């Protein structure tokens, strides 16, 4: 089980990324717009750099909903590989069975 602080940090990062998403997208768009002057594009890059680091979507970690594990994460089920296997073996995931050959 992951530490509670890891959950809380990730939750704050997710909230901050949602809060600043529109502003980041607008600044990125201005930074790439070749019709603007180089000074305006550079200013957009500086403004983007002034935003909090945790407002970037890439800082958010995908974590298992059950165990909090950050590695081996299945996006479709939102759980780690270990939790997925346990759920499948207990019959909690419809249609998923242990393979044998």
Protein backbone atom coordinates (compact mmCIF):
# COMPACT_ATOMS: atom_id res chain seq x y z
CA UNK A 1 0.00 0.00 0.00
CA UNK A 2 1.33 3.42 -0.94
CA UNK A 3 1.76 6.09 1.68
CA UNK A 4 -1.14 8.43 2.25
CA UNK A 5 1.09 11.38 1.36
CA UNK A 6 1.60 9.88 -2.12
CA UNK A 7 -2.17 9.77 -2.65
CA UNK A 8 -2.58 13.35 -1.43
CA UNK A 9 0.30 14.69 -3.54
CA UNK A 10 -1.12 13.02 -6.62
CA UNK A 11 -4.59 14.38 -5.86
CA UNK A 12 -3.23 17.94 -5.52
CA UNK A 13 -1.32 17.58 -8.79
CA UNK A 14 -4.45 16.37 -10.57
CA UNK A 15 -6.50 19.29 -9.23
CA UNK A 16 -3.82 21.83 -10.15
CA UNK A 17 -3.46 20.36 -13.65
CA UNK A 18 -7.22 20.70 -14.16
CA UNK A 19 -7.18 24.26 -12.83
CA UNK A 20 -4.40 25.47 -15.14
CA UNK A 21 -5.22 23.33 -18.22
CA UNK A 22 -6.87 26.11 -20.22
CA UNK A 23 -4.19 28.67 -19.40
CA UNK A 24 -1.37 26.24 -20.28
CA UNK A 25 -3.04 25.33 -23.58
CA UNK A 26 -3.47 29.01 -24.50
CA UNK A 27 0.15 29.85 -23.67
CA UNK A 28 1.43 26.84 -25.62
CA UNK A 29 -0.69 27.86 -28.59
CA UNK A 30 0.71 31.42 -28.46
CA UNK A 31 4.24 30.06 -28.14
CA UNK A 32 3.89 28.02 -31.33
CA UNK A 33 1.99 30.64 -33.36
CA UNK A 34 4.38 31.75 -36.11
CA UNK A 35 2.18 34.73 -37.04
CA UNK A 36 3.15 36.43 -33.75
CA UNK A 37 6.38 38.31 -33.33
CA UNK A 38 9.33 36.46 -31.76
CA UNK A 39 9.09 38.70 -28.68
CA UNK A 40 5.44 37.76 -28.10
CA UNK A 41 6.18 34.06 -28.55
CA UNK A 42 9.13 34.31 -26.16
CA UNK A 43 6.96 36.11 -23.61
CA UNK A 44 4.41 33.28 -23.87
CA UNK A 45 7.21 30.79 -23.13
CA UNK A 46 8.29 32.85 -20.10
CA UNK A 47 4.71 33.03 -18.83
CA UNK A 48 4.39 29.27 -19.26
CA UNK A 49 7.57 28.75 -17.23
CA UNK A 50 6.15 30.92 -14.41
CA UNK A 51 3.22 28.55 -13.87
CA UNK A 52 3.56 26.04 -11.02
CA UNK A 53 5.37 22.85 -11.93
CA UNK A 54 2.58 20.68 -10.60
CA UNK A 55 0.15 22.31 -13.01
CA UNK A 56 1.61 20.19 -15.80
CA UNK A 57 -0.40 17.08 -16.69
CA UNK A 58 2.80 15.00 -17.00
CA UNK A 59 3.47 15.38 -13.26
CA UNK A 60 0.37 13.33 -12.41
CA UNK A 61 1.08 9.65 -11.73
CA UNK A 62 -1.36 6.90 -12.59
CA UNK A 63 -1.91 4.94 -9.39
CA UNK A 64 -3.86 1.79 -8.62
CA UNK A 65 -7.23 2.58 -7.05
CA UNK A 66 -6.88 -0.36 -4.66
CA UNK A 67 -3.23 -0.51 -3.62
CA UNK A 68 -1.80 2.82 -4.74
CA UNK A 69 0.93 1.09 -6.74
CA UNK A 70 2.37 3.37 -9.43
CA UNK A 71 3.93 0.71 -11.66
CA UNK A 72 2.22 -1.94 -13.74
CA UNK A 73 -0.91 0.20 -14.14
CA UNK A 74 -3.74 -0.83 -16.48
CA UNK A 75 -5.58 2.30 -17.64
CA UNK A 76 -8.70 0.45 -18.73
CA UNK A 77 -9.29 -0.97 -15.24
CA UNK A 78 -7.47 1.74 -13.23
CA UNK A 79 -5.67 -0.90 -11.16
CA UNK A 80 -2.19 -2.42 -11.04
CA UNK A 81 -1.30 -5.77 -12.59
CA UNK A 82 -1.28 -7.45 -9.17
CA UNK A 83 -4.70 -6.13 -8.16
CA UNK A 84 -6.04 -6.99 -11.63
CA UNK A 85 -4.92 -10.60 -11.25
CA UNK A 86 -6.49 -10.90 -7.80
CA UNK A 87 -9.77 -9.42 -9.04
CA UNK A 88 -9.79 -11.75 -12.06
CA UNK A 89 -9.10 -14.84 -9.96
CA UNK A 90 -11.90 -13.96 -7.57
CA UNK A 91 -14.33 -13.47 -10.48
CA UNK A 92 -14.81 -9.73 -10.00
CA UNK A 93 -14.03 -8.86 -13.64
CA UNK A 94 -16.66 -10.29 -16.04
CA UNK A 95 -15.30 -12.40 -18.85
CA UNK A 96 -11.75 -12.54 -17.54
CA UNK A 97 -10.46 -15.99 -16.70
CA UNK A 98 -7.02 -17.38 -15.92
CA UNK A 99 -5.42 -18.66 -19.10
CA UNK A 100 -4.05 -22.17 -19.39
CA UNK A 101 -2.43 -23.95 -22.33
